[in-house]
């Protein structure tokens, strides 16, 4: 995977991460809070964050010590 594709994927994931955060805020402001749905969204956010970290690591060249 070349760096341009990785950066594009990171950008898409960051957008999705932000959208999920907005969804969590909206659900918490709703009169009837669905804790299960909020938990699922938070879990998805964590998976996205992990994937972003892995992709960012791919962009950093290995340094041989």
PDB file of N, CA and C in Angstrom:
ATOM      1  N   UNK A   1       0.858  -1.170   0.000  1.00  0.00           N
ATOM      2  CA  UNK A   1       0.000   0.000   0.000  1.00  0.00           C
ATOM      3  C   UNK A   1       0.906   1.235   0.000  1.00  0.00           C
ATOM      4  N   UNK A   2       0.704   2.136  -0.944  1.00  0.00           N
ATOM      5  CA  UNK A   2       1.570   3.314  -0.992  1.00  0.00           C
ATOM      6  C   UNK A   2       1.078   4.403  -0.041  1.00  0.00           C
ATOM      7  N   UNK A   3       1.934   5.359   0.235  1.00  0.00           N
ATOM      8  CA  UNK A   3       1.656   6.365   1.265  1.00  0.00           C
ATOM      9  C   UNK A   3       0.441   7.231   0.928  1.00  0.00           C
ATOM     10  N   UNK A   4       0.206   7.474  -0.347  1.00  0.00           N
ATOM     11  CA  UNK A   4      -0.957   8.284  -0.731  1.00  0.00           C
ATOM     12  C   UNK A   4      -2.265   7.575  -0.367  1.00  0.00           C
ATOM     13  N   UNK A   5      -2.335   6.289  -0.633  1.00  0.00           N
ATOM     14  CA  UNK A   5      -3.530   5.514  -0.273  1.00  0.00           C
ATOM     15  C   UNK A   5      -3.708   5.445   1.238  1.00  0.00           C
ATOM     16  N   UNK A   6      -2.608   5.284   1.950  1.00  0.00           N
ATOM     17  CA  UNK A   6      -2.666   5.225   3.410  1.00  0.00           C
ATOM     18  C   UNK A   6      -3.182   6.554   3.966  1.00  0.00           C
ATOM     19  N   UNK A   7      -2.654   7.656   3.468  1.00  0.00           N
ATOM     20  CA  UNK A   7      -3.092   8.969   3.942  1.00  0.00           C
ATOM     21  C   UNK A   7      -4.557   9.216   3.629  1.00  0.00           C
ATOM     22  N   UNK A   8      -5.002   8.778   2.465  1.00  0.00           N
ATOM     23  CA  UNK A   8      -6.413   8.926   2.093  1.00  0.00           C
ATOM     24  C   UNK A   8      -7.302   8.115   3.038  1.00  0.00           C
ATOM     25  N   UNK A   9      -6.867   6.889   3.343  1.00  0.00           N
ATOM     26  CA  UNK A   9      -7.633   6.029   4.257  1.00  0.00           C
ATOM     27  C   UNK A   9      -7.667   6.639   5.664  1.00  0.00           C
ATOM     28  N   UNK A  10      -6.558   7.198   6.110  1.00  0.00           N
ATOM     29  CA  UNK A  10      -6.515   7.847   7.424  1.00  0.00           C
ATOM     30  C   UNK A  10      -7.501   9.014   7.457  1.00  0.00           C
ATOM     31  N   UNK A  11      -7.533   9.798   6.390  1.00  0.00           N
ATOM     32  CA  UNK A  11      -8.457  10.937   6.318  1.00  0.00           C
ATOM     33  C   UNK A  11      -9.909  10.465   6.430  1.00  0.00           C
ATOM     34  N   UNK A  12     -10.249   9.423   5.703  1.00  0.00           N
ATOM     35  CA  UNK A  12     -11.611   8.881   5.736  1.00  0.00           C
ATOM     36  C   UNK A  12     -11.946   8.377   7.134  1.00  0.00           C
ATOM     37  N   UNK A  13     -11.010   7.670   7.756  1.00  0.00           N
ATOM     38  CA  UNK A  13     -11.253   7.141   9.094  1.00  0.00           C
ATOM     39  C   UNK A  13     -11.410   8.255  10.122  1.00  0.00           C
ATOM     40  N   UNK A  14     -10.629   9.317   9.990  1.00  0.00           N
ATOM     41  CA  UNK A  14     -10.757  10.446  10.926  1.00  0.00           C
ATOM     42  C   UNK A  14     -12.128  11.109  10.786  1.00  0.00           C
ATOM     43  N   UNK A  15     -12.622  11.213   9.554  1.00  0.00           N
ATOM     44  CA  UNK A  15     -13.962  11.767   9.343  1.00  0.00           C
ATOM     45  C   UNK A  15     -15.015  10.881  10.011  1.00  0.00           C
ATOM     46  N   UNK A  16     -14.889   9.578   9.805  1.00  0.00           N
ATOM     47  CA  UNK A  16     -15.842   8.650  10.403  1.00  0.00           C
ATOM     48  C   UNK A  16     -15.771   8.723  11.926  1.00  0.00           C
ATOM     49  N   UNK A  17     -14.565   8.830  12.467  1.00  0.00           N
ATOM     50  CA  UNK A  17     -14.372   8.935  13.911  1.00  0.00           C
ATOM     51  C   UNK A  17     -15.098  10.176  14.445  1.00  0.00           C
ATOM     52  N   UNK A  18     -14.958  11.296  13.746  1.00  0.00           N
ATOM     53  CA  UNK A  18     -15.648  12.523  14.141  1.00  0.00           C
ATOM     54  C   UNK A  18     -17.161  12.398  14.041  1.00  0.00           C
ATOM     55  N   UNK A  19     -17.625  11.734  12.998  1.00  0.00           N
ATOM     56  CA  UNK A  19     -19.069  11.521  12.833  1.00  0.00           C
ATOM     57  C   UNK A  19     -19.624  10.673  13.974  1.00  0.00           C
ATOM     58  N   UNK A  20     -18.866   9.652  14.373  1.00  0.00           N
ATOM     59  CA  UNK A  20     -19.315   8.804  15.470  1.00  0.00           C
ATOM     60  C   UNK A  20     -19.353   9.578  16.783  1.00  0.00           C
ATOM     61  N   UNK A  21     -18.393  10.458  16.988  1.00  0.00           N
ATOM     62  CA  UNK A  21     -18.391  11.294  18.195  1.00  0.00           C
ATOM     63  C   UNK A  21     -19.636  12.177  18.220  1.00  0.00           C
ATOM     64  N   UNK A  22     -19.980  12.760  17.069  1.00  0.00           N
ATOM     65  CA  UNK A  22     -21.181  13.590  16.982  1.00  0.00           C
ATOM     66  C   UNK A  22     -22.435  12.762  17.263  1.00  0.00           C
ATOM     67  N   UNK A  23     -22.450  11.529  16.793  1.00  0.00           N
ATOM     68  CA  UNK A  23     -23.594  10.648  17.038  1.00  0.00           C
ATOM     69  C   UNK A  23     -23.726  10.338  18.527  1.00  0.00           C
ATOM     70  N   UNK A  24     -22.600  10.121  19.189  1.00  0.00           N
ATOM     71  CA  UNK A  24     -22.630   9.845  20.630  1.00  0.00           C
ATOM     72  C   UNK A  24     -23.185  11.045  21.386  1.00  0.00           C
ATOM     73  N   UNK A  25     -22.718  12.226  21.043  1.00  0.00           N
ATOM     74  CA  UNK A  25     -23.198  13.446  21.704  1.00  0.00           C
ATOM     75  C   UNK A  25     -24.702  13.600  21.489  1.00  0.00           C
ATOM     76  N   UNK A  26     -25.158  13.356  20.280  1.00  0.00           N
ATOM     77  CA  UNK A  26     -26.585  13.476  19.979  1.00  0.00           C
ATOM     78  C   UNK A  26     -27.404  12.450  20.753  1.00  0.00           C
ATOM     79  N   UNK A  27     -26.906  11.224  20.824  1.00  0.00           N
ATOM     80  CA  UNK A  27     -27.638  10.193  21.558  1.00  0.00           C
ATOM     81  C   UNK A  27     -27.685  10.494  23.052  1.00  0.00           C
ATOM     82  N   UNK A  28     -26.616  11.045  23.595  1.00  0.00           N
ATOM     83  CA  UNK A  28     -26.602  11.366  25.017  1.00  0.00           C
ATOM     84  C   UNK A  28     -27.521  12.540  25.335  1.00  0.00           C
ATOM     85  N   UNK A  29     -27.782  13.395  24.361  1.00  0.00           N
ATOM     86  CA  UNK A  29     -28.671  14.534  24.565  1.00  0.00           C
ATOM     87  C   UNK A  29     -30.140  14.155  24.388  1.00  0.00           C
ATOM     88  N   UNK A  30     -30.396  12.987  23.819  1.00  0.00           N
ATOM     89  CA  UNK A  30     -31.770  12.544  23.576  1.00  0.00           C
ATOM     90  C   UNK A  30     -32.454  12.230  24.907  1.00  0.00           C
ATOM     91  N   UNK A  31     -33.774  12.394  24.944  1.00  0.00           N
ATOM     92  CA  UNK A  31     -34.501  12.121  26.190  1.00  0.00           C
ATOM     93  C   UNK A  31     -34.385  10.660  26.644  1.00  0.00           C
ATOM     94  N   UNK A  32     -34.424   9.740  25.714  1.00  0.00           N
ATOM     95  CA  UNK A  32     -34.297   8.318  26.055  1.00  0.00           C
ATOM     96  C   UNK A  32     -32.911   7.848  25.586  1.00  0.00           C
ATOM     97  N   UNK A  33     -31.995   7.711  26.524  1.00  0.00           N
ATOM     98  CA  UNK A  33     -30.626   7.343  26.187  1.00  0.00           C
ATOM     99  C   UNK A  33     -30.529   5.831  26.000  1.00  0.00           C
ATOM    100  N   UNK A  34     -30.008   5.430  24.851  1.00  0.00           N
ATOM    101  CA  UNK A  34     -29.808   4.010  24.537  1.00  0.00           C
ATOM    102  C   UNK A  34     -28.347   3.665  24.813  1.00  0.00           C
ATOM    103  N   UNK A  35     -28.094   3.164  26.021  1.00  0.00           N
ATOM    104  CA  UNK A  35     -26.722   2.882  26.446  1.00  0.00           C
ATOM    105  C   UNK A  35     -26.057   1.813  25.582  1.00  0.00           C
ATOM    106  N   UNK A  36     -26.813   0.835  25.131  1.00  0.00           N
ATOM    107  CA  UNK A  36     -26.257  -0.223  24.304  1.00  0.00           C
ATOM    108  C   UNK A  36     -25.763   0.333  22.966  1.00  0.00           C
ATOM    109  N   UNK A  37     -26.555   1.182  22.360  1.00  0.00           N
ATOM    110  CA  UNK A  37     -26.156   1.779  21.090  1.00  0.00           C
ATOM    111  C   UNK A  37     -24.932   2.677  21.280  1.00  0.00           C
ATOM    112  N   UNK A  38     -24.904   3.436  22.359  1.00  0.00           N
ATOM    113  CA  UNK A  38     -23.749   4.291  22.643  1.00  0.00           C
ATOM    114  C   UNK A  38     -22.498   3.434  22.842  1.00  0.00           C
ATOM    115  N   UNK A  39     -22.625   2.334  23.558  1.00  0.00           N
ATOM    116  CA  UNK A  39     -21.483   1.439  23.783  1.00  0.00           C
ATOM    117  C   UNK A  39     -20.968   0.869  22.461  1.00  0.00           C
ATOM    118  N   UNK A  40     -21.875   0.500  21.578  1.00  0.00           N
ATOM    119  CA  UNK A  40     -21.465  -0.034  20.268  1.00  0.00           C
ATOM    120  C   UNK A  40     -20.722   1.014  19.450  1.00  0.00           C
ATOM    121  N   UNK A  41     -21.209   2.236  19.490  1.00  0.00           N
ATOM    122  CA  UNK A  41     -20.560   3.308  18.740  1.00  0.00           C
ATOM    123  C   UNK A  41     -19.171   3.588  19.316  1.00  0.00           C
ATOM    124  N   UNK A  42     -19.071   3.588  20.638  1.00  0.00           N
ATOM    125  CA  UNK A  42     -17.766   3.822  21.272  1.00  0.00           C
ATOM    126  C   UNK A  42     -16.775   2.715  20.908  1.00  0.00           C
ATOM    127  N   UNK A  43     -17.262   1.492  20.846  1.00  0.00           N
ATOM    128  CA  UNK A  43     -16.399   0.375  20.467  1.00  0.00           C
ATOM    129  C   UNK A  43     -15.922   0.542  19.028  1.00  0.00           C
ATOM    130  N   UNK A  44     -16.808   0.974  18.157  1.00  0.00           N
ATOM    131  CA  UNK A  44     -16.441   1.226  16.751  1.00  0.00           C
ATOM    132  C   UNK A  44     -15.405   2.349  16.665  1.00  0.00           C
ATOM    133  N   UNK A  45     -15.591   3.392  17.480  1.00  0.00           N
ATOM    134  CA  UNK A  45     -14.622   4.488  17.506  1.00  0.00           C
ATOM    135  C   UNK A  45     -13.239   3.990  17.902  1.00  0.00           C
ATOM    136  N   UNK A  46     -13.187   3.110  18.891  1.00  0.00           N
ATOM    137  CA  UNK A  46     -11.896   2.564  19.327  1.00  0.00           C
ATOM    138  C   UNK A  46     -11.230   1.748  18.225  1.00  0.00           C
ATOM    139  N   UNK A  47     -12.029   0.952  17.507  1.00  0.00           N
ATOM    140  CA  UNK A  47     -11.462   0.178  16.394  1.00  0.00           C
ATOM    141  C   UNK A  47     -10.905   1.097  15.315  1.00  0.00           C
ATOM    142  N   UNK A  48     -11.624   2.173  15.041  1.00  0.00           N
ATOM    143  CA  UNK A  48     -11.156   3.139  14.040  1.00  0.00           C
ATOM    144  C   UNK A  48      -9.861   3.795  14.514  1.00  0.00           C
ATOM    145  N   UNK A  49      -9.811   4.173  15.775  1.00  0.00           N
ATOM    146  CA  UNK A  49      -8.603   4.793  16.315  1.00  0.00           C
ATOM    147  C   UNK A  49      -7.416   3.843  16.207  1.00  0.00           C
ATOM    148  N   UNK A  50      -7.639   2.569  16.502  1.00  0.00           N
ATOM    149  CA  UNK A  50      -6.567   1.573  16.377  1.00  0.00           C
ATOM    150  C   UNK A  50      -6.102   1.443  14.924  1.00  0.00           C
ATOM    151  N   UNK A  51      -7.050   1.437  13.998  1.00  0.00           N
ATOM    152  CA  UNK A  51      -6.686   1.321  12.590  1.00  0.00           C
ATOM    153  C   UNK A  51      -5.904   2.548  12.125  1.00  0.00           C
ATOM    154  N   UNK A  52      -6.304   3.724  12.587  1.00  0.00           N
ATOM    155  CA  UNK A  52      -5.571   4.946  12.252  1.00  0.00           C
ATOM    156  C   UNK A  52      -4.136   4.842  12.759  1.00  0.00           C
ATOM    157  N   UNK A  53      -3.963   4.371  13.982  1.00  0.00           N
ATOM    158  CA  UNK A  53      -2.617   4.229  14.549  1.00  0.00           C
ATOM    159  C   UNK A  53      -1.773   3.256  13.740  1.00  0.00           C
ATOM    160  N   UNK A  54      -2.363   2.151  13.333  1.00  0.00           N
ATOM    161  CA  UNK A  54      -1.628   1.174  12.533  1.00  0.00           C
ATOM    162  C   UNK A  54      -1.214   1.764  11.192  1.00  0.00           C
ATOM    163  N   UNK A  55      -2.116   2.495  10.568  1.00  0.00           N
ATOM    164  CA  UNK A  55      -1.805   3.108   9.272  1.00  0.00           C
ATOM    165  C   UNK A  55      -0.733   4.180   9.414  1.00  0.00           C
ATOM    166  N   UNK A  56      -0.818   4.972  10.480  1.00  0.00           N
ATOM    167  CA  UNK A  56       0.200   5.997  10.705  1.00  0.00           C
ATOM    168  C   UNK A  56       1.566   5.349  10.928  1.00  0.00           C
ATOM    169  N   UNK A  57       1.592   4.215  11.608  1.00  0.00           N
ATOM    170  CA  UNK A  57       2.847   3.485  11.804  1.00  0.00           C
ATOM    171  C   UNK A  57       3.426   3.020  10.471  1.00  0.00           C
ATOM    172  N   UNK A  58       2.578   2.710   9.520  1.00  0.00           N
ATOM    173  CA  UNK A  58       3.046   2.282   8.207  1.00  0.00           C
ATOM    174  C   UNK A  58       3.723   3.418   7.450  1.00  0.00           C
ATOM    175  N   UNK A  59       3.347   4.647   7.778  1.00  0.00           N
ATOM    176  CA  UNK A  59       3.914   5.803   7.105  1.00  0.00           C
ATOM    177  C   UNK A  59       5.309   6.153   7.639  1.00  0.00           C
ATOM    178  N   UNK A  60       5.582   5.732   8.877  1.00  0.00           N
ATOM    179  CA  UNK A  60       6.874   6.031   9.507  1.00  0.00           C
ATOM    180  C   UNK A  60       7.857   4.925   9.167  1.00  0.00           C
ATOM    181  N   UNK A  61       8.977   5.276   8.540  1.00  0.00           N
ATOM    182  CA  UNK A  61       9.942   4.231   8.188  1.00  0.00           C
ATOM    183  C   UNK A  61      10.588   3.622   9.438  1.00  0.00           C
ATOM    184  N   UNK A  62      10.887   2.349   9.339  1.00  0.00           N
ATOM    185  CA  UNK A  62      11.574   1.658  10.440  1.00  0.00           C
ATOM    186  C   UNK A  62      13.004   2.175  10.551  1.00  0.00           C
ATOM    187  N   UNK A  63      13.427   2.382  11.775  1.00  0.00           N
ATOM    188  CA  UNK A  63      14.800   2.820  12.036  1.00  0.00           C
ATOM    189  C   UNK A  63      15.549   1.636  12.621  1.00  0.00           C
ATOM    190  N   UNK A  64      16.618   1.263  11.969  1.00  0.00           N
ATOM    191  CA  UNK A  64      17.415   0.135  12.440  1.00  0.00           C
ATOM    192  C   UNK A  64      18.389   0.664  13.477  1.00  0.00           C
ATOM    193  N   UNK A  65      18.270   0.141  14.688  1.00  0.00           N
ATOM    194  CA  UNK A  65      19.139   0.620  15.775  1.00  0.00           C
ATOM    195  C   UNK A  65      20.385  -0.230  15.887  1.00  0.00           C
TER     196      UNK A  65
END
